[in-house]
Amino acid sequence: MIHIVFQKNDADTLKKAIALDESMQGDIIQIADDFAIGPIKDIYSTEGTENRKQWWREVLSGGPYEGIVDDGSVADDNKTIAELIEKLKTNSEEVLWIWAAQNQHDVSGYYWLMSQLKDFQGRVFILYLNNLPFINEKGHIFYPTNIFEIQPKEFLKAKKLARPITLSEFEVDPDEWTKLCNENKGVRTLEGGKKLAQHNYDYYDNELIKLITPDWQKVNKLLHAFFSRSKITTGDAYLISRIKHMIQENKIDAQGDIKNMKDFEVKLKVN
């Protein structure tokens, strides 16, 4: 058994769950990229892959994550999937469990991944935690939007959701992903189920600008406010890039070193 997750925290939580249930024993593989943002046109071609890498270089340039595209600290997803496919070809008994929750990061990753696995239909399972109740640490019922929010012991219930991706899904879902790729917009959000909507690259700007005040404000506090108040969120690296973009557009003022988020501050431009 091989487990696929789309966020590092998911992998950490799943490891704890496997320690409680040996029937789930298997390798855990994380897809490193966040396919809910950035260019996805011709995503499976060499040119499309390089365009996406270059976009990430520009997004991360000058910020706290600069350089991670090329320094080896982020896994090469194409290499990861090539090795995965080879394992599935070599061992006909091997099965794959894809874990996804109700968020655009996981669903975008699911589309990108499953579109490459049609040859293994019947051996690829999906565990999609779509609007399903679980018990949190306080004993209350809640509906997780991320895998890592589930208590490890609750995975004993979650594993019962595993079902094979159907032949119909292997035909329909890649078509949906192809349509999204051809539209080639910059931001994808989840509307419900596995339905993704696409938006322009400035999708999160309005929510950010609402939180920026006329007084100097540390960006790490700004991001904390964004994550706590916004229903639809994305990674901090992309939000920092949008803040940089608004600075370049002369919409906000900034001071301090952007690589040191504790010192970097912004405020609204005063006319």
Protein backbone atom coordinates (compact mmCIF):
# COMPACT_ATOMS: atom_id res chain seq x y z
CA MET A 1 0.00 0.00 0.00
CA ILE A 2 1.20 3.48 -0.93
CA HIS A 3 -0.43 6.60 0.53
CA ILE A 4 -0.51 9.93 -1.33
CA VAL A 5 -1.10 13.25 0.45
CA PHE A 6 -0.80 16.84 -0.72
CA GLN A 7 0.44 18.67 2.39
CA LYS A 8 3.36 17.99 4.73
CA ASN A 9 1.17 18.23 7.83
CA ASP A 10 -1.08 15.56 6.30
CA ALA A 11 1.90 13.21 6.01
CA ASP A 12 2.90 13.82 9.63
CA THR A 13 -0.64 13.10 10.88
CA LEU A 14 -1.02 10.02 8.70
CA LYS A 15 2.21 8.57 10.13
CA LYS A 16 0.70 8.79 13.62
CA ALA A 17 -2.50 7.12 12.39
CA ILE A 18 -0.57 4.25 10.78
CA ALA A 19 1.21 3.67 14.09
CA LEU A 20 -2.23 2.92 15.57
CA ASP A 21 -3.36 0.63 12.74
CA GLU A 22 -0.90 -1.72 11.08
CA SER A 23 -3.42 -2.58 8.35
CA MET A 24 -2.65 0.86 6.88
CA GLN A 25 1.10 0.25 6.85
CA GLY A 26 2.75 1.61 3.71
CA ASP A 27 4.91 4.32 2.19
CA ILE A 28 3.65 7.91 2.43
CA ILE A 29 4.35 10.17 -0.54
CA GLN A 30 3.66 13.90 -0.54
CA ILE A 31 2.99 15.84 -3.73
CA ALA A 32 4.99 18.99 -3.05
CA ASP A 33 3.50 21.53 -5.46
CA ASP A 34 0.28 23.46 -4.89
CA PHE A 35 -1.60 23.17 -8.18
CA ALA A 36 -4.39 25.45 -6.90
CA ILE A 37 -2.25 28.44 -7.91
CA GLY A 38 -0.04 29.29 -10.84
CA PRO A 39 0.06 28.38 -14.54
CA ILE A 40 -1.11 24.88 -15.50
CA LYS A 41 -1.28 25.14 -19.31
CA ASP A 42 0.51 22.17 -20.94
CA ILE A 43 1.35 21.04 -17.41
CA TYR A 44 2.56 17.59 -18.48
CA SER A 45 4.95 18.87 -21.14
CA THR A 46 8.58 19.87 -20.56
CA GLU A 47 7.77 23.44 -21.56
CA GLY A 48 4.73 23.62 -19.29
CA THR A 49 6.69 22.24 -16.36
CA GLU A 50 9.51 24.73 -16.86
CA ASN A 51 7.04 27.63 -17.22
CA ARG A 52 5.57 26.67 -13.87
CA LYS A 53 8.99 26.42 -12.23
CA GLN A 54 9.91 29.85 -13.57
CA TRP A 55 6.64 31.27 -12.24
CA TRP A 56 7.47 29.89 -8.78
CA ARG A 57 10.97 31.41 -8.98
CA GLU A 58 9.40 34.81 -9.63
CA VAL A 59 6.80 34.36 -6.87
CA LEU A 60 9.46 33.45 -4.30
CA SER A 61 12.07 35.96 -5.46
CA GLY A 62 13.21 38.31 -2.71
CA GLY A 63 11.10 36.61 -0.06
CA PRO A 64 11.80 34.18 2.78
CA TYR A 65 11.43 31.15 0.48
CA GLU A 66 13.67 32.34 -2.34
CA GLY A 67 15.75 29.60 -3.97
CA ILE A 68 13.79 26.52 -2.87
CA VAL A 69 12.74 25.71 -6.44
CA ASP A 70 16.33 24.88 -7.38
CA ASP A 71 18.18 24.02 -4.17
CA GLY A 72 16.71 20.52 -3.77
CA SER A 73 14.66 21.30 -0.66
CA VAL A 74 11.39 20.75 -2.57
CA ALA A 75 10.73 17.37 -4.14
CA ASP A 76 10.45 17.05 -7.93
CA ASP A 77 6.85 15.90 -8.37
CA ASN A 78 7.40 14.63 -11.90
CA LYS A 79 10.23 12.42 -10.68
CA THR A 80 8.11 11.29 -7.72
CA ILE A 81 5.26 10.20 -10.02
CA ALA A 82 7.61 8.51 -12.49
CA GLU A 83 9.02 6.43 -9.62
CA LEU A 84 5.49 5.73 -8.34
CA ILE A 85 4.32 4.49 -11.74
CA GLU A 86 7.37 2.25 -11.98
CA LYS A 87 6.51 0.71 -8.59
CA LEU A 88 2.95 0.04 -9.74
CA LYS A 89 4.20 -1.57 -12.95
CA THR A 90 6.76 -3.71 -11.15
CA ASN A 91 4.42 -4.95 -8.41
CA SER A 92 0.96 -5.84 -9.71
CA GLU A 93 -0.27 -6.32 -6.12
CA GLU A 94 0.56 -2.76 -5.07
CA VAL A 95 -2.36 -0.39 -4.44
CA LEU A 96 -2.46 3.37 -4.10
CA TRP A 97 -4.56 5.37 -1.62
CA ILE A 98 -5.05 9.06 -2.43
CA TRP A 99 -6.07 11.14 0.61
CA ALA A 100 -7.90 14.41 -0.12
CA ALA A 101 -9.98 16.81 1.97
CA GLN A 102 -12.43 19.56 1.09
CA ASN A 103 -9.98 22.21 -0.07
CA GLN A 104 -8.70 23.43 -3.44
CA HIS A 105 -5.10 22.40 -2.72
CA ASP A 106 -5.97 18.71 -2.35
CA VAL A 107 -8.54 18.63 -5.15
CA SER A 108 -6.22 20.36 -7.63
CA GLY A 109 -3.48 17.90 -6.68
CA TYR A 110 -5.91 15.01 -7.13
CA TYR A 111 -6.74 16.12 -10.68
CA TRP A 112 -3.07 16.56 -11.58
CA LEU A 113 -2.18 13.16 -10.14
CA MET A 114 -5.03 10.87 -11.20
CA SER A 115 -4.85 12.09 -14.80
CA GLN A 116 -1.57 10.14 -15.02
CA LEU A 117 -2.80 6.88 -13.47
CA LYS A 118 -5.54 5.57 -15.75
CA ASP A 119 -3.49 2.44 -16.61
CA PHE A 120 -3.89 1.33 -12.99
CA GLN A 121 -7.67 1.62 -12.67
CA GLY A 122 -8.89 -0.76 -9.96
CA ARG A 123 -5.70 -0.32 -7.93
CA VAL A 124 -6.04 3.42 -7.28
CA PHE A 125 -8.30 4.34 -4.36
CA ILE A 126 -9.60 7.73 -3.26
CA LEU A 127 -10.40 8.73 0.33
CA TYR A 128 -12.19 12.04 -0.16
CA LEU A 129 -13.31 13.55 3.13
CA ASN A 130 -16.09 15.61 1.58
CA ASN A 131 -18.35 17.21 4.22
CA LEU A 132 -17.95 14.26 6.60
CA PRO A 133 -18.15 14.71 10.39
CA PHE A 134 -15.32 13.77 12.74
CA ILE A 135 -14.63 14.20 16.46
CA ASN A 136 -12.08 16.81 17.49
CA GLU A 137 -9.80 16.79 20.54
CA LYS A 138 -12.54 18.37 22.68
CA GLY A 139 -15.02 15.66 21.75
CA HIS A 140 -17.05 17.93 19.49
CA ILE A 141 -18.25 17.11 15.98
CA PHE A 142 -16.58 19.12 13.21
CA TYR A 143 -16.11 19.00 9.46
CA PRO A 144 -12.41 19.05 8.55
CA THR A 145 -11.19 20.94 5.52
CA ASN A 146 -7.69 19.46 5.83
CA ILE A 147 -6.50 15.91 6.49
CA PHE A 148 -4.16 17.08 9.27
CA GLU A 149 -7.10 18.41 11.31
CA ILE A 150 -8.29 14.85 11.98
CA GLN A 151 -7.11 13.12 15.14
CA PRO A 152 -4.91 10.08 14.35
CA LYS A 153 -7.35 7.73 16.10
CA GLU A 154 -10.16 9.04 13.89
CA PHE A 155 -8.35 7.69 10.83
CA LEU A 156 -9.69 4.28 11.82
CA LYS A 157 -13.05 5.64 10.67
CA ALA A 158 -11.61 7.55 7.74
CA LYS A 159 -9.99 4.49 6.17
CA LYS A 160 -13.44 2.96 5.65
CA LEU A 161 -14.06 5.64 3.03
CA ALA A 162 -11.48 4.16 0.65
CA ARG A 163 -13.03 3.27 -2.70
CA PRO A 164 -11.57 2.65 -6.14
CA ILE A 165 -11.54 5.54 -8.57
CA THR A 166 -14.06 4.39 -11.16
CA LEU A 167 -13.45 3.98 -14.87
CA SER A 168 -16.00 6.76 -15.41
CA GLU A 169 -14.01 9.11 -13.16
CA PHE A 170 -10.82 8.25 -15.04
CA GLU A 171 -12.60 9.38 -18.20
CA VAL A 172 -14.48 12.46 -16.92
CA ASP A 173 -12.10 14.01 -14.35
CA PRO A 174 -9.09 14.33 -16.71
CA ASP A 175 -11.38 16.15 -19.17
CA GLU A 176 -12.34 18.60 -16.42
CA TRP A 177 -8.66 19.10 -15.57
CA THR A 178 -7.79 19.63 -19.24
CA LYS A 179 -10.47 22.32 -19.47
CA LEU A 180 -9.00 24.09 -16.44
CA CYS A 181 -5.48 23.79 -17.88
CA ASN A 182 -6.57 25.33 -21.18
CA GLU A 183 -8.27 28.25 -19.40
CA ASN A 184 -4.90 28.83 -17.72
CA LYS A 185 -5.99 31.28 -15.04
CA GLY A 186 -3.90 31.80 -11.93
CA VAL A 187 -6.04 30.81 -8.94
CA ARG A 188 -8.35 27.84 -8.39
CA THR A 189 -10.92 27.61 -5.59
CA LEU A 190 -13.23 24.80 -4.56
CA GLU A 191 -16.95 25.37 -5.07
CA GLY A 192 -18.02 22.03 -3.58
CA GLY A 193 -17.52 18.36 -4.31
CA LYS A 194 -14.69 18.23 -6.84
CA LYS A 195 -15.84 21.37 -8.70
CA LEU A 196 -13.06 23.93 -9.12
CA ALA A 197 -13.57 27.55 -10.20
CA GLN A 198 -10.78 29.67 -11.66
CA HIS A 199 -9.87 33.30 -11.04
CA ASN A 200 -7.22 35.84 -11.99
CA TYR A 201 -3.91 36.06 -10.14
CA ASP A 202 -5.14 39.02 -8.05
CA TYR A 203 -7.98 36.97 -6.51
CA TYR A 204 -6.71 37.37 -2.91
CA ASP A 205 -5.70 41.04 -3.21
CA ASN A 206 -8.99 42.55 -2.06
CA GLU A 207 -9.06 40.48 1.13
CA LEU A 208 -5.46 41.46 1.88
CA ILE A 209 -6.03 45.17 1.26
CA LYS A 210 -9.00 45.16 3.65
CA LEU A 211 -6.64 44.10 6.44
CA ILE A 212 -3.90 46.67 5.70
CA THR A 213 -4.25 49.81 7.81
CA PRO A 214 -2.95 53.41 7.48
CA ASP A 215 -0.46 52.56 10.27
CA TRP A 216 2.60 50.36 9.96
CA GLN A 217 1.72 46.69 10.44
CA LYS A 218 4.04 43.69 10.54
CA VAL A 219 3.34 41.35 7.64
CA ASN A 220 3.42 38.22 9.80
CA LYS A 221 0.53 39.68 11.83
CA LEU A 222 -1.25 40.66 8.62
CA LEU A 223 -1.01 37.07 7.35
CA HIS A 224 -2.22 35.71 10.68
CA ALA A 225 -5.29 37.96 10.42
CA PHE A 226 -5.88 36.80 6.84
CA PHE A 227 -5.76 33.11 7.75
CA SER A 228 -8.02 33.56 10.76
CA ARG A 229 -10.70 35.61 8.96
CA SER A 230 -10.74 34.42 5.35
CA LYS A 231 -12.79 31.36 4.41
CA ILE A 232 -10.74 30.67 1.28
CA THR A 233 -6.99 30.83 1.80
CA THR A 234 -3.72 29.95 0.11
CA GLY A 235 -0.11 29.55 1.17
CA ASP A 236 1.81 32.41 2.76
CA ALA A 237 4.42 32.39 -0.04
CA TYR A 238 1.82 33.35 -2.63
CA LEU A 239 0.27 35.99 -0.35
CA ILE A 240 3.70 37.54 0.18
CA SER A 241 4.14 37.70 -3.60
CA ARG A 242 0.80 39.51 -3.91
CA ILE A 243 1.90 41.98 -1.22
CA LYS A 244 5.09 42.57 -3.24
CA HIS A 245 2.94 43.13 -6.33
CA MET A 246 0.80 45.73 -4.55
CA ILE A 247 3.96 47.50 -3.39
CA GLN A 248 5.19 47.61 -7.00
CA GLU A 249 1.79 48.99 -8.08
CA ASN A 250 2.22 51.77 -5.49
CA LYS A 251 -0.93 50.71 -3.61
CA ILE A 252 0.85 50.21 -0.28
CA ASP A 253 4.07 51.37 1.41
CA ALA A 254 6.64 48.98 2.90
CA GLN A 255 9.67 49.11 5.13
CA GLY A 256 12.12 46.53 6.48
CA ASP A 257 13.57 43.35 4.99
CA ILE A 258 10.98 41.15 3.28
CA LYS A 259 13.11 38.08 4.06
CA ASN A 260 12.62 38.76 7.76
CA MET A 261 8.87 38.66 8.30
CA LYS A 262 9.18 39.89 11.90
CA ASP A 263 10.67 43.18 10.67
CA PHE A 264 8.86 43.62 7.34
CA GLU A 265 5.97 46.11 7.62
CA VAL A 266 3.34 47.55 5.32
CA LYS A 267 0.68 50.26 5.43
CA LEU A 268 -1.84 51.81 3.09
CA LYS A 269 -0.54 54.44 0.72
CA VAL A 270 -1.61 57.89 1.90
CA ASN A 271 -2.50 60.25 -0.94
